[in-house]
Amino acid sequence: ERNATGVILFSDPRDVALEGVEPM
């Protein structure tokens, strides 16, 4: 609606990795 040409979506670690982003 605001004439953007495209959208990229990602899941924020703040929402989906609350213990951190390290492998363990």
PDBML (XML) file of the C-alpha atoms, coordinates in Angstrom:
<?xml version="1.0" encoding="UTF-8" ?>
<PDBx:datablock datablockName="MODEL"
   xmlns:PDBx="http://pdbml.pdb.org/schema/pdbx-v50.xsd"
   xmlns:xsi="http://www.w3.org/2001/XMLSchema-instance"
   xsi:schemaLocation="http://pdbml.pdb.org/schema/pdbx-v50.xsd pdbx-v50.xsd">
   <PDBx:atom_siteCategory>
      <PDBx:atom_site id="1">
         <PDBx:B_iso_or_equiv>0.00</PDBx:B_iso_or_equiv>
         <PDBx:Cartn_x>0.000</PDBx:Cartn_x>
         <PDBx:Cartn_y>0.000</PDBx:Cartn_y>
         <PDBx:Cartn_z>0.000</PDBx:Cartn_z>
         <PDBx:auth_asym_id>A</PDBx:auth_asym_id>
         <PDBx:auth_atom_id>CA</PDBx:auth_atom_id>
         <PDBx:auth_comp_id>GLU</PDBx:auth_comp_id>
         <PDBx:auth_seq_id>1</PDBx:auth_seq_id>
         <PDBx:group_PDB>ATOM</PDBx:group_PDB>
         <PDBx:label_alt_id xsi:nil="true" />
         <PDBx:label_asym_id>A</PDBx:label_asym_id>
         <PDBx:label_atom_id>CA</PDBx:label_atom_id>
         <PDBx:label_comp_id>GLU</PDBx:label_comp_id>
         <PDBx:label_entity_id>1</PDBx:label_entity_id>
         <PDBx:label_seq_id>1</PDBx:label_seq_id>
         <PDBx:occupancy>1.00</PDBx:occupancy>
         <PDBx:pdbx_PDB_model_num>1</PDBx:pdbx_PDB_model_num>
         <PDBx:type_symbol>C</PDBx:type_symbol>
      </PDBx:atom_site>
      <PDBx:atom_site id="2">
         <PDBx:B_iso_or_equiv>0.00</PDBx:B_iso_or_equiv>
         <PDBx:Cartn_x>2.988</PDBx:Cartn_x>
         <PDBx:Cartn_y>2.278</PDBx:Cartn_y>
         <PDBx:Cartn_z>0.564</PDBx:Cartn_z>
         <PDBx:auth_asym_id>A</PDBx:auth_asym_id>
         <PDBx:auth_atom_id>CA</PDBx:auth_atom_id>
         <PDBx:auth_comp_id>ARG</PDBx:auth_comp_id>
         <PDBx:auth_seq_id>2</PDBx:auth_seq_id>
         <PDBx:group_PDB>ATOM</PDBx:group_PDB>
         <PDBx:label_alt_id xsi:nil="true" />
         <PDBx:label_asym_id>A</PDBx:label_asym_id>
         <PDBx:label_atom_id>CA</PDBx:label_atom_id>
         <PDBx:label_comp_id>ARG</PDBx:label_comp_id>
         <PDBx:label_entity_id>1</PDBx:label_entity_id>
         <PDBx:label_seq_id>2</PDBx:label_seq_id>
         <PDBx:occupancy>1.00</PDBx:occupancy>
         <PDBx:pdbx_PDB_model_num>1</PDBx:pdbx_PDB_model_num>
         <PDBx:type_symbol>C</PDBx:type_symbol>
      </PDBx:atom_site>
      <PDBx:atom_site id="3">
         <PDBx:B_iso_or_equiv>0.00</PDBx:B_iso_or_equiv>
         <PDBx:Cartn_x>4.526</PDBx:Cartn_x>
         <PDBx:Cartn_y>1.345</PDBx:Cartn_y>
         <PDBx:Cartn_z>-2.789</PDBx:Cartn_z>
         <PDBx:auth_asym_id>A</PDBx:auth_asym_id>
         <PDBx:auth_atom_id>CA</PDBx:auth_atom_id>
         <PDBx:auth_comp_id>ASN</PDBx:auth_comp_id>
         <PDBx:auth_seq_id>3</PDBx:auth_seq_id>
         <PDBx:group_PDB>ATOM</PDBx:group_PDB>
         <PDBx:label_alt_id xsi:nil="true" />
         <PDBx:label_asym_id>A</PDBx:label_asym_id>
         <PDBx:label_atom_id>CA</PDBx:label_atom_id>
         <PDBx:label_comp_id>ASN</PDBx:label_comp_id>
         <PDBx:label_entity_id>1</PDBx:label_entity_id>
         <PDBx:label_seq_id>3</PDBx:label_seq_id>
         <PDBx:occupancy>1.00</PDBx:occupancy>
         <PDBx:pdbx_PDB_model_num>1</PDBx:pdbx_PDB_model_num>
         <PDBx:type_symbol>C</PDBx:type_symbol>
      </PDBx:atom_site>
      <PDBx:atom_site id="4">
         <PDBx:B_iso_or_equiv>0.00</PDBx:B_iso_or_equiv>
         <PDBx:Cartn_x>7.412</PDBx:Cartn_x>
         <PDBx:Cartn_y>-0.737</PDBx:Cartn_y>
         <PDBx:Cartn_z>-1.470</PDBx:Cartn_z>
         <PDBx:auth_asym_id>A</PDBx:auth_asym_id>
         <PDBx:auth_atom_id>CA</PDBx:auth_atom_id>
         <PDBx:auth_comp_id>ALA</PDBx:auth_comp_id>
         <PDBx:auth_seq_id>4</PDBx:auth_seq_id>
         <PDBx:group_PDB>ATOM</PDBx:group_PDB>
         <PDBx:label_alt_id xsi:nil="true" />
         <PDBx:label_asym_id>A</PDBx:label_asym_id>
         <PDBx:label_atom_id>CA</PDBx:label_atom_id>
         <PDBx:label_comp_id>ALA</PDBx:label_comp_id>
         <PDBx:label_entity_id>1</PDBx:label_entity_id>
         <PDBx:label_seq_id>4</PDBx:label_seq_id>
         <PDBx:occupancy>1.00</PDBx:occupancy>
         <PDBx:pdbx_PDB_model_num>1</PDBx:pdbx_PDB_model_num>
         <PDBx:type_symbol>C</PDBx:type_symbol>
      </PDBx:atom_site>
      <PDBx:atom_site id="5">
         <PDBx:B_iso_or_equiv>0.00</PDBx:B_iso_or_equiv>
         <PDBx:Cartn_x>8.943</PDBx:Cartn_x>
         <PDBx:Cartn_y>-2.964</PDBx:Cartn_y>
         <PDBx:Cartn_z>-4.143</PDBx:Cartn_z>
         <PDBx:auth_asym_id>A</PDBx:auth_asym_id>
         <PDBx:auth_atom_id>CA</PDBx:auth_atom_id>
         <PDBx:auth_comp_id>THR</PDBx:auth_comp_id>
         <PDBx:auth_seq_id>5</PDBx:auth_seq_id>
         <PDBx:group_PDB>ATOM</PDBx:group_PDB>
         <PDBx:label_alt_id xsi:nil="true" />
         <PDBx:label_asym_id>A</PDBx:label_asym_id>
         <PDBx:label_atom_id>CA</PDBx:label_atom_id>
         <PDBx:label_comp_id>THR</PDBx:label_comp_id>
         <PDBx:label_entity_id>1</PDBx:label_entity_id>
         <PDBx:label_seq_id>5</PDBx:label_seq_id>
         <PDBx:occupancy>1.00</PDBx:occupancy>
         <PDBx:pdbx_PDB_model_num>1</PDBx:pdbx_PDB_model_num>
         <PDBx:type_symbol>C</PDBx:type_symbol>
      </PDBx:atom_site>
      <PDBx:atom_site id="6">
         <PDBx:B_iso_or_equiv>0.00</PDBx:B_iso_or_equiv>
         <PDBx:Cartn_x>9.334</PDBx:Cartn_x>
         <PDBx:Cartn_y>-6.104</PDBx:Cartn_y>
         <PDBx:Cartn_z>-2.045</PDBx:Cartn_z>
         <PDBx:auth_asym_id>A</PDBx:auth_asym_id>
         <PDBx:auth_atom_id>CA</PDBx:auth_atom_id>
         <PDBx:auth_comp_id>GLY</PDBx:auth_comp_id>
         <PDBx:auth_seq_id>6</PDBx:auth_seq_id>
         <PDBx:group_PDB>ATOM</PDBx:group_PDB>
         <PDBx:label_alt_id xsi:nil="true" />
         <PDBx:label_asym_id>A</PDBx:label_asym_id>
         <PDBx:label_atom_id>CA</PDBx:label_atom_id>
         <PDBx:label_comp_id>GLY</PDBx:label_comp_id>
         <PDBx:label_entity_id>1</PDBx:label_entity_id>
         <PDBx:label_seq_id>6</PDBx:label_seq_id>
         <PDBx:occupancy>1.00</PDBx:occupancy>
         <PDBx:pdbx_PDB_model_num>1</PDBx:pdbx_PDB_model_num>
         <PDBx:type_symbol>C</PDBx:type_symbol>
      </PDBx:atom_site>
      <PDBx:atom_site id="7">
         <PDBx:B_iso_or_equiv>0.00</PDBx:B_iso_or_equiv>
         <PDBx:Cartn_x>9.390</PDBx:Cartn_x>
         <PDBx:Cartn_y>-7.502</PDBx:Cartn_y>
         <PDBx:Cartn_z>1.493</PDBx:Cartn_z>
         <PDBx:auth_asym_id>A</PDBx:auth_asym_id>
         <PDBx:auth_atom_id>CA</PDBx:auth_atom_id>
         <PDBx:auth_comp_id>VAL</PDBx:auth_comp_id>
         <PDBx:auth_seq_id>7</PDBx:auth_seq_id>
         <PDBx:group_PDB>ATOM</PDBx:group_PDB>
         <PDBx:label_alt_id xsi:nil="true" />
         <PDBx:label_asym_id>A</PDBx:label_asym_id>
         <PDBx:label_atom_id>CA</PDBx:label_atom_id>
         <PDBx:label_comp_id>VAL</PDBx:label_comp_id>
         <PDBx:label_entity_id>1</PDBx:label_entity_id>
         <PDBx:label_seq_id>7</PDBx:label_seq_id>
         <PDBx:occupancy>1.00</PDBx:occupancy>
         <PDBx:pdbx_PDB_model_num>1</PDBx:pdbx_PDB_model_num>
         <PDBx:type_symbol>C</PDBx:type_symbol>
      </PDBx:atom_site>
      <PDBx:atom_site id="8">
         <PDBx:B_iso_or_equiv>0.00</PDBx:B_iso_or_equiv>
         <PDBx:Cartn_x>11.924</PDBx:Cartn_x>
         <PDBx:Cartn_y>-9.603</PDBx:Cartn_y>
         <PDBx:Cartn_z>3.393</PDBx:Cartn_z>
         <PDBx:auth_asym_id>A</PDBx:auth_asym_id>
         <PDBx:auth_atom_id>CA</PDBx:auth_atom_id>
         <PDBx:auth_comp_id>ILE</PDBx:auth_comp_id>
         <PDBx:auth_seq_id>8</PDBx:auth_seq_id>
         <PDBx:group_PDB>ATOM</PDBx:group_PDB>
         <PDBx:label_alt_id xsi:nil="true" />
         <PDBx:label_asym_id>A</PDBx:label_asym_id>
         <PDBx:label_atom_id>CA</PDBx:label_atom_id>
         <PDBx:label_comp_id>ILE</PDBx:label_comp_id>
         <PDBx:label_entity_id>1</PDBx:label_entity_id>
         <PDBx:label_seq_id>8</PDBx:label_seq_id>
         <PDBx:occupancy>1.00</PDBx:occupancy>
         <PDBx:pdbx_PDB_model_num>1</PDBx:pdbx_PDB_model_num>
         <PDBx:type_symbol>C</PDBx:type_symbol>
      </PDBx:atom_site>
      <PDBx:atom_site id="9">
         <PDBx:B_iso_or_equiv>0.00</PDBx:B_iso_or_equiv>
         <PDBx:Cartn_x>10.713</PDBx:Cartn_x>
         <PDBx:Cartn_y>-11.322</PDBx:Cartn_y>
         <PDBx:Cartn_z>6.568</PDBx:Cartn_z>
         <PDBx:auth_asym_id>A</PDBx:auth_asym_id>
         <PDBx:auth_atom_id>CA</PDBx:auth_atom_id>
         <PDBx:auth_comp_id>LEU</PDBx:auth_comp_id>
         <PDBx:auth_seq_id>9</PDBx:auth_seq_id>
         <PDBx:group_PDB>ATOM</PDBx:group_PDB>
         <PDBx:label_alt_id xsi:nil="true" />
         <PDBx:label_asym_id>A</PDBx:label_asym_id>
         <PDBx:label_atom_id>CA</PDBx:label_atom_id>
         <PDBx:label_comp_id>LEU</PDBx:label_comp_id>
         <PDBx:label_entity_id>1</PDBx:label_entity_id>
         <PDBx:label_seq_id>9</PDBx:label_seq_id>
         <PDBx:occupancy>1.00</PDBx:occupancy>
         <PDBx:pdbx_PDB_model_num>1</PDBx:pdbx_PDB_model_num>
         <PDBx:type_symbol>C</PDBx:type_symbol>
      </PDBx:atom_site>
      <PDBx:atom_site id="10">
         <PDBx:B_iso_or_equiv>0.00</PDBx:B_iso_or_equiv>
         <PDBx:Cartn_x>12.802</PDBx:Cartn_x>
         <PDBx:Cartn_y>-12.781</PDBx:Cartn_y>
         <PDBx:Cartn_z>9.388</PDBx:Cartn_z>
         <PDBx:auth_asym_id>A</PDBx:auth_asym_id>
         <PDBx:auth_atom_id>CA</PDBx:auth_atom_id>
         <PDBx:auth_comp_id>PHE</PDBx:auth_comp_id>
         <PDBx:auth_seq_id>10</PDBx:auth_seq_id>
         <PDBx:group_PDB>ATOM</PDBx:group_PDB>
         <PDBx:label_alt_id xsi:nil="true" />
         <PDBx:label_asym_id>A</PDBx:label_asym_id>
         <PDBx:label_atom_id>CA</PDBx:label_atom_id>
         <PDBx:label_comp_id>PHE</PDBx:label_comp_id>
         <PDBx:label_entity_id>1</PDBx:label_entity_id>
         <PDBx:label_seq_id>10</PDBx:label_seq_id>
         <PDBx:occupancy>1.00</PDBx:occupancy>
         <PDBx:pdbx_PDB_model_num>1</PDBx:pdbx_PDB_model_num>
         <PDBx:type_symbol>C</PDBx:type_symbol>
      </PDBx:atom_site>
      <PDBx:atom_site id="11">
         <PDBx:B_iso_or_equiv>0.00</PDBx:B_iso_or_equiv>
         <PDBx:Cartn_x>12.248</PDBx:Cartn_x>
         <PDBx:Cartn_y>-14.182</PDBx:Cartn_y>
         <PDBx:Cartn_z>12.866</PDBx:Cartn_z>
         <PDBx:auth_asym_id>A</PDBx:auth_asym_id>
         <PDBx:auth_atom_id>CA</PDBx:auth_atom_id>
         <PDBx:auth_comp_id>SER</PDBx:auth_comp_id>
         <PDBx:auth_seq_id>11</PDBx:auth_seq_id>
         <PDBx:group_PDB>ATOM</PDBx:group_PDB>
         <PDBx:label_alt_id xsi:nil="true" />
         <PDBx:label_asym_id>A</PDBx:label_asym_id>
         <PDBx:label_atom_id>CA</PDBx:label_atom_id>
         <PDBx:label_comp_id>SER</PDBx:label_comp_id>
         <PDBx:label_entity_id>1</PDBx:label_entity_id>
         <PDBx:label_seq_id>11</PDBx:label_seq_id>
         <PDBx:occupancy>1.00</PDBx:occupancy>
         <PDBx:pdbx_PDB_model_num>1</PDBx:pdbx_PDB_model_num>
         <PDBx:type_symbol>C</PDBx:type_symbol>
      </PDBx:atom_site>
      <PDBx:atom_site id="12">
         <PDBx:B_iso_or_equiv>0.00</PDBx:B_iso_or_equiv>
         <PDBx:Cartn_x>13.957</PDBx:Cartn_x>
         <PDBx:Cartn_y>-12.010</PDBx:Cartn_y>
         <PDBx:Cartn_z>15.477</PDBx:Cartn_z>
         <PDBx:auth_asym_id>A</PDBx:auth_asym_id>
         <PDBx:auth_atom_id>CA</PDBx:auth_atom_id>
         <PDBx:auth_comp_id>ASP</PDBx:auth_comp_id>
         <PDBx:auth_seq_id>12</PDBx:auth_seq_id>
         <PDBx:group_PDB>ATOM</PDBx:group_PDB>
         <PDBx:label_alt_id xsi:nil="true" />
         <PDBx:label_asym_id>A</PDBx:label_asym_id>
         <PDBx:label_atom_id>CA</PDBx:label_atom_id>
         <PDBx:label_comp_id>ASP</PDBx:label_comp_id>
         <PDBx:label_entity_id>1</PDBx:label_entity_id>
         <PDBx:label_seq_id>12</PDBx:label_seq_id>
         <PDBx:occupancy>1.00</PDBx:occupancy>
         <PDBx:pdbx_PDB_model_num>1</PDBx:pdbx_PDB_model_num>
         <PDBx:type_symbol>C</PDBx:type_symbol>
      </PDBx:atom_site>
      <PDBx:atom_site id="13">
         <PDBx:B_iso_or_equiv>0.00</PDBx:B_iso_or_equiv>
         <PDBx:Cartn_x>16.052</PDBx:Cartn_x>
         <PDBx:Cartn_y>-13.888</PDBx:Cartn_y>
         <PDBx:Cartn_z>18.097</PDBx:Cartn_z>
         <PDBx:auth_asym_id>A</PDBx:auth_asym_id>
         <PDBx:auth_atom_id>CA</PDBx:auth_atom_id>
         <PDBx:auth_comp_id>PRO</PDBx:auth_comp_id>
         <PDBx:auth_seq_id>13</PDBx:auth_seq_id>
         <PDBx:group_PDB>ATOM</PDBx:group_PDB>
         <PDBx:label_alt_id xsi:nil="true" />
         <PDBx:label_asym_id>A</PDBx:label_asym_id>
         <PDBx:label_atom_id>CA</PDBx:label_atom_id>
         <PDBx:label_comp_id>PRO</PDBx:label_comp_id>
         <PDBx:label_entity_id>1</PDBx:label_entity_id>
         <PDBx:label_seq_id>13</PDBx:label_seq_id>
         <PDBx:occupancy>1.00</PDBx:occupancy>
         <PDBx:pdbx_PDB_model_num>1</PDBx:pdbx_PDB_model_num>
         <PDBx:type_symbol>C</PDBx:type_symbol>
      </PDBx:atom_site>
      <PDBx:atom_site id="14">
         <PDBx:B_iso_or_equiv>0.00</PDBx:B_iso_or_equiv>
         <PDBx:Cartn_x>14.366</PDBx:Cartn_x>
         <PDBx:Cartn_y>-11.651</PDBx:Cartn_y>
         <PDBx:Cartn_z>20.664</PDBx:Cartn_z>
         <PDBx:auth_asym_id>A</PDBx:auth_asym_id>
         <PDBx:auth_atom_id>CA</PDBx:auth_atom_id>
         <PDBx:auth_comp_id>ARG</PDBx:auth_comp_id>
         <PDBx:auth_seq_id>14</PDBx:auth_seq_id>
         <PDBx:group_PDB>ATOM</PDBx:group_PDB>
         <PDBx:label_alt_id xsi:nil="true" />
         <PDBx:label_asym_id>A</PDBx:label_asym_id>
         <PDBx:label_atom_id>CA</PDBx:label_atom_id>
         <PDBx:label_comp_id>ARG</PDBx:label_comp_id>
         <PDBx:label_entity_id>1</PDBx:label_entity_id>
         <PDBx:label_seq_id>14</PDBx:label_seq_id>
         <PDBx:occupancy>1.00</PDBx:occupancy>
         <PDBx:pdbx_PDB_model_num>1</PDBx:pdbx_PDB_model_num>
         <PDBx:type_symbol>C</PDBx:type_symbol>
      </PDBx:atom_site>
      <PDBx:atom_site id="15">
         <PDBx:B_iso_or_equiv>0.00</PDBx:B_iso_or_equiv>
         <PDBx:Cartn_x>11.148</PDBx:Cartn_x>
         <PDBx:Cartn_y>-13.496</PDBx:Cartn_y>
         <PDBx:Cartn_z>19.830</PDBx:Cartn_z>
         <PDBx:auth_asym_id>A</PDBx:auth_asym_id>
         <PDBx:auth_atom_id>CA</PDBx:auth_atom_id>
         <PDBx:auth_comp_id>ASP</PDBx:auth_comp_id>
         <PDBx:auth_seq_id>15</PDBx:auth_seq_id>
         <PDBx:group_PDB>ATOM</PDBx:group_PDB>
         <PDBx:label_alt_id xsi:nil="true" />
         <PDBx:label_asym_id>A</PDBx:label_asym_id>
         <PDBx:label_atom_id>CA</PDBx:label_atom_id>
         <PDBx:label_comp_id>ASP</PDBx:label_comp_id>
         <PDBx:label_entity_id>1</PDBx:label_entity_id>
         <PDBx:label_seq_id>15</PDBx:label_seq_id>
         <PDBx:occupancy>1.00</PDBx:occupancy>
         <PDBx:pdbx_PDB_model_num>1</PDBx:pdbx_PDB_model_num>
         <PDBx:type_symbol>C</PDBx:type_symbol>
      </PDBx:atom_site>
      <PDBx:atom_site id="16">
         <PDBx:B_iso_or_equiv>0.00</PDBx:B_iso_or_equiv>
         <PDBx:Cartn_x>12.355</PDBx:Cartn_x>
         <PDBx:Cartn_y>-16.993</PDBx:Cartn_y>
         <PDBx:Cartn_z>18.897</PDBx:Cartn_z>
         <PDBx:auth_asym_id>A</PDBx:auth_asym_id>
         <PDBx:auth_atom_id>CA</PDBx:auth_atom_id>
         <PDBx:auth_comp_id>VAL</PDBx:auth_comp_id>
         <PDBx:auth_seq_id>16</PDBx:auth_seq_id>
         <PDBx:group_PDB>ATOM</PDBx:group_PDB>
         <PDBx:label_alt_id xsi:nil="true" />
         <PDBx:label_asym_id>A</PDBx:label_asym_id>
         <PDBx:label_atom_id>CA</PDBx:label_atom_id>
         <PDBx:label_comp_id>VAL</PDBx:label_comp_id>
         <PDBx:label_entity_id>1</PDBx:label_entity_id>
         <PDBx:label_seq_id>16</PDBx:label_seq_id>
         <PDBx:occupancy>1.00</PDBx:occupancy>
         <PDBx:pdbx_PDB_model_num>1</PDBx:pdbx_PDB_model_num>
         <PDBx:type_symbol>C</PDBx:type_symbol>
      </PDBx:atom_site>
      <PDBx:atom_site id="17">
         <PDBx:B_iso_or_equiv>0.00</PDBx:B_iso_or_equiv>
         <PDBx:Cartn_x>15.725</PDBx:Cartn_x>
         <PDBx:Cartn_y>-17.594</PDBx:Cartn_y>
         <PDBx:Cartn_z>20.652</PDBx:Cartn_z>
         <PDBx:auth_asym_id>A</PDBx:auth_asym_id>
         <PDBx:auth_atom_id>CA</PDBx:auth_atom_id>
         <PDBx:auth_comp_id>ALA</PDBx:auth_comp_id>
         <PDBx:auth_seq_id>17</PDBx:auth_seq_id>
         <PDBx:group_PDB>ATOM</PDBx:group_PDB>
         <PDBx:label_alt_id xsi:nil="true" />
         <PDBx:label_asym_id>A</PDBx:label_asym_id>
         <PDBx:label_atom_id>CA</PDBx:label_atom_id>
         <PDBx:label_comp_id>ALA</PDBx:label_comp_id>
         <PDBx:label_entity_id>1</PDBx:label_entity_id>
         <PDBx:label_seq_id>17</PDBx:label_seq_id>
         <PDBx:occupancy>1.00</PDBx:occupancy>
         <PDBx:pdbx_PDB_model_num>1</PDBx:pdbx_PDB_model_num>
         <PDBx:type_symbol>C</PDBx:type_symbol>
      </PDBx:atom_site>
      <PDBx:atom_site id="18">
         <PDBx:B_iso_or_equiv>0.00</PDBx:B_iso_or_equiv>
         <PDBx:Cartn_x>15.226</PDBx:Cartn_x>
         <PDBx:Cartn_y>-16.246</PDBx:Cartn_y>
         <PDBx:Cartn_z>24.149</PDBx:Cartn_z>
         <PDBx:auth_asym_id>A</PDBx:auth_asym_id>
         <PDBx:auth_atom_id>CA</PDBx:auth_atom_id>
         <PDBx:auth_comp_id>LEU</PDBx:auth_comp_id>
         <PDBx:auth_seq_id>18</PDBx:auth_seq_id>
         <PDBx:group_PDB>ATOM</PDBx:group_PDB>
         <PDBx:label_alt_id xsi:nil="true" />
         <PDBx:label_asym_id>A</PDBx:label_asym_id>
         <PDBx:label_atom_id>CA</PDBx:label_atom_id>
         <PDBx:label_comp_id>LEU</PDBx:label_comp_id>
         <PDBx:label_entity_id>1</PDBx:label_entity_id>
         <PDBx:label_seq_id>18</PDBx:label_seq_id>
         <PDBx:occupancy>1.00</PDBx:occupancy>
         <PDBx:pdbx_PDB_model_num>1</PDBx:pdbx_PDB_model_num>
         <PDBx:type_symbol>C</PDBx:type_symbol>
      </PDBx:atom_site>
      <PDBx:atom_site id="19">
         <PDBx:B_iso_or_equiv>0.00</PDBx:B_iso_or_equiv>
         <PDBx:Cartn_x>18.159</PDBx:Cartn_x>
         <PDBx:Cartn_y>-18.166</PDBx:Cartn_y>
         <PDBx:Cartn_z>25.659</PDBx:Cartn_z>
         <PDBx:auth_asym_id>A</PDBx:auth_asym_id>
         <PDBx:auth_atom_id>CA</PDBx:auth_atom_id>
         <PDBx:auth_comp_id>GLU</PDBx:auth_comp_id>
         <PDBx:auth_seq_id>19</PDBx:auth_seq_id>
         <PDBx:group_PDB>ATOM</PDBx:group_PDB>
         <PDBx:label_alt_id xsi:nil="true" />
         <PDBx:label_asym_id>A</PDBx:label_asym_id>
         <PDBx:label_atom_id>CA</PDBx:label_atom_id>
         <PDBx:label_comp_id>GLU</PDBx:label_comp_id>
         <PDBx:label_entity_id>1</PDBx:label_entity_id>
         <PDBx:label_seq_id>19</PDBx:label_seq_id>
         <PDBx:occupancy>1.00</PDBx:occupancy>
         <PDBx:pdbx_PDB_model_num>1</PDBx:pdbx_PDB_model_num>
         <PDBx:type_symbol>C</PDBx:type_symbol>
      </PDBx:atom_site>
      <PDBx:atom_site id="20">
         <PDBx:B_iso_or_equiv>0.00</PDBx:B_iso_or_equiv>
         <PDBx:Cartn_x>20.666</PDBx:Cartn_x>
         <PDBx:Cartn_y>-16.944</PDBx:Cartn_y>
         <PDBx:Cartn_z>23.058</PDBx:Cartn_z>
         <PDBx:auth_asym_id>A</PDBx:auth_asym_id>
         <PDBx:auth_atom_id>CA</PDBx:auth_atom_id>
         <PDBx:auth_comp_id>GLY</PDBx:auth_comp_id>
         <PDBx:auth_seq_id>20</PDBx:auth_seq_id>
         <PDBx:group_PDB>ATOM</PDBx:group_PDB>
         <PDBx:label_alt_id xsi:nil="true" />
         <PDBx:label_asym_id>A</PDBx:label_asym_id>
         <PDBx:label_atom_id>CA</PDBx:label_atom_id>
         <PDBx:label_comp_id>GLY</PDBx:label_comp_id>
         <PDBx:label_entity_id>1</PDBx:label_entity_id>
         <PDBx:label_seq_id>20</PDBx:label_seq_id>
         <PDBx:occupancy>1.00</PDBx:occupancy>
         <PDBx:pdbx_PDB_model_num>1</PDBx:pdbx_PDB_model_num>
         <PDBx:type_symbol>C</PDBx:type_symbol>
      </PDBx:atom_site>
      <PDBx:atom_site id="21">
         <PDBx:B_iso_or_equiv>0.00</PDBx:B_iso_or_equiv>
         <PDBx:Cartn_x>21.782</PDBx:Cartn_x>
         <PDBx:Cartn_y>-17.844</PDBx:Cartn_y>
         <PDBx:Cartn_z>19.543</PDBx:Cartn_z>
         <PDBx:auth_asym_id>A</PDBx:auth_asym_id>
         <PDBx:auth_atom_id>CA</PDBx:auth_atom_id>
         <PDBx:auth_comp_id>VAL</PDBx:auth_comp_id>
         <PDBx:auth_seq_id>21</PDBx:auth_seq_id>
         <PDBx:group_PDB>ATOM</PDBx:group_PDB>
         <PDBx:label_alt_id xsi:nil="true" />
         <PDBx:label_asym_id>A</PDBx:label_asym_id>
         <PDBx:label_atom_id>CA</PDBx:label_atom_id>
         <PDBx:label_comp_id>VAL</PDBx:label_comp_id>
         <PDBx:label_entity_id>1</PDBx:label_entity_id>
         <PDBx:label_seq_id>21</PDBx:label_seq_id>
         <PDBx:occupancy>1.00</PDBx:occupancy>
         <PDBx:pdbx_PDB_model_num>1</PDBx:pdbx_PDB_model_num>
         <PDBx:type_symbol>C</PDBx:type_symbol>
      </PDBx:atom_site>
      <PDBx:atom_site id="22">
         <PDBx:B_iso_or_equiv>0.00</PDBx:B_iso_or_equiv>
         <PDBx:Cartn_x>24.756</PDBx:Cartn_x>
         <PDBx:Cartn_y>-20.108</PDBx:Cartn_y>
         <PDBx:Cartn_z>20.262</PDBx:Cartn_z>
         <PDBx:auth_asym_id>A</PDBx:auth_asym_id>
         <PDBx:auth_atom_id>CA</PDBx:auth_atom_id>
         <PDBx:auth_comp_id>GLU</PDBx:auth_comp_id>
         <PDBx:auth_seq_id>22</PDBx:auth_seq_id>
         <PDBx:group_PDB>ATOM</PDBx:group_PDB>
         <PDBx:label_alt_id xsi:nil="true" />
         <PDBx:label_asym_id>A</PDBx:label_asym_id>
         <PDBx:label_atom_id>CA</PDBx:label_atom_id>
         <PDBx:label_comp_id>GLU</PDBx:label_comp_id>
         <PDBx:label_entity_id>1</PDBx:label_entity_id>
         <PDBx:label_seq_id>22</PDBx:label_seq_id>
         <PDBx:occupancy>1.00</PDBx:occupancy>
         <PDBx:pdbx_PDB_model_num>1</PDBx:pdbx_PDB_model_num>
         <PDBx:type_symbol>C</PDBx:type_symbol>
      </PDBx:atom_site>
      <PDBx:atom_site id="23">
         <PDBx:B_iso_or_equiv>0.00</PDBx:B_iso_or_equiv>
         <PDBx:Cartn_x>24.467</PDBx:Cartn_x>
         <PDBx:Cartn_y>-23.752</PDBx:Cartn_y>
         <PDBx:Cartn_z>19.078</PDBx:Cartn_z>
         <PDBx:auth_asym_id>A</PDBx:auth_asym_id>
         <PDBx:auth_atom_id>CA</PDBx:auth_atom_id>
         <PDBx:auth_comp_id>PRO</PDBx:auth_comp_id>
         <PDBx:auth_seq_id>23</PDBx:auth_seq_id>
         <PDBx:group_PDB>ATOM</PDBx:group_PDB>
         <PDBx:label_alt_id xsi:nil="true" />
         <PDBx:label_asym_id>A</PDBx:label_asym_id>
         <PDBx:label_atom_id>CA</PDBx:label_atom_id>
         <PDBx:label_comp_id>PRO</PDBx:label_comp_id>
         <PDBx:label_entity_id>1</PDBx:label_entity_id>
         <PDBx:label_seq_id>23</PDBx:label_seq_id>
         <PDBx:occupancy>1.00</PDBx:occupancy>
         <PDBx:pdbx_PDB_model_num>1</PDBx:pdbx_PDB_model_num>
         <PDBx:type_symbol>C</PDBx:type_symbol>
      </PDBx:atom_site>
      <PDBx:atom_site id="24">
         <PDBx:B_iso_or_equiv>0.00</PDBx:B_iso_or_equiv>
         <PDBx:Cartn_x>23.767</PDBx:Cartn_x>
         <PDBx:Cartn_y>-25.120</PDBx:Cartn_y>
         <PDBx:Cartn_z>22.559</PDBx:Cartn_z>
         <PDBx:auth_asym_id>A</PDBx:auth_asym_id>
         <PDBx:auth_atom_id>CA</PDBx:auth_atom_id>
         <PDBx:auth_comp_id>MET</PDBx:auth_comp_id>
         <PDBx:auth_seq_id>24</PDBx:auth_seq_id>
         <PDBx:group_PDB>ATOM</PDBx:group_PDB>
         <PDBx:label_alt_id xsi:nil="true" />
         <PDBx:label_asym_id>A</PDBx:label_asym_id>
         <PDBx:label_atom_id>CA</PDBx:label_atom_id>
         <PDBx:label_comp_id>MET</PDBx:label_comp_id>
         <PDBx:label_entity_id>1</PDBx:label_entity_id>
         <PDBx:label_seq_id>24</PDBx:label_seq_id>
         <PDBx:occupancy>1.00</PDBx:occupancy>
         <PDBx:pdbx_PDB_model_num>1</PDBx:pdbx_PDB_model_num>
         <PDBx:type_symbol>C</PDBx:type_symbol>
      </PDBx:atom_site>
   </PDBx:atom_siteCategory>
</PDBx:datablock>
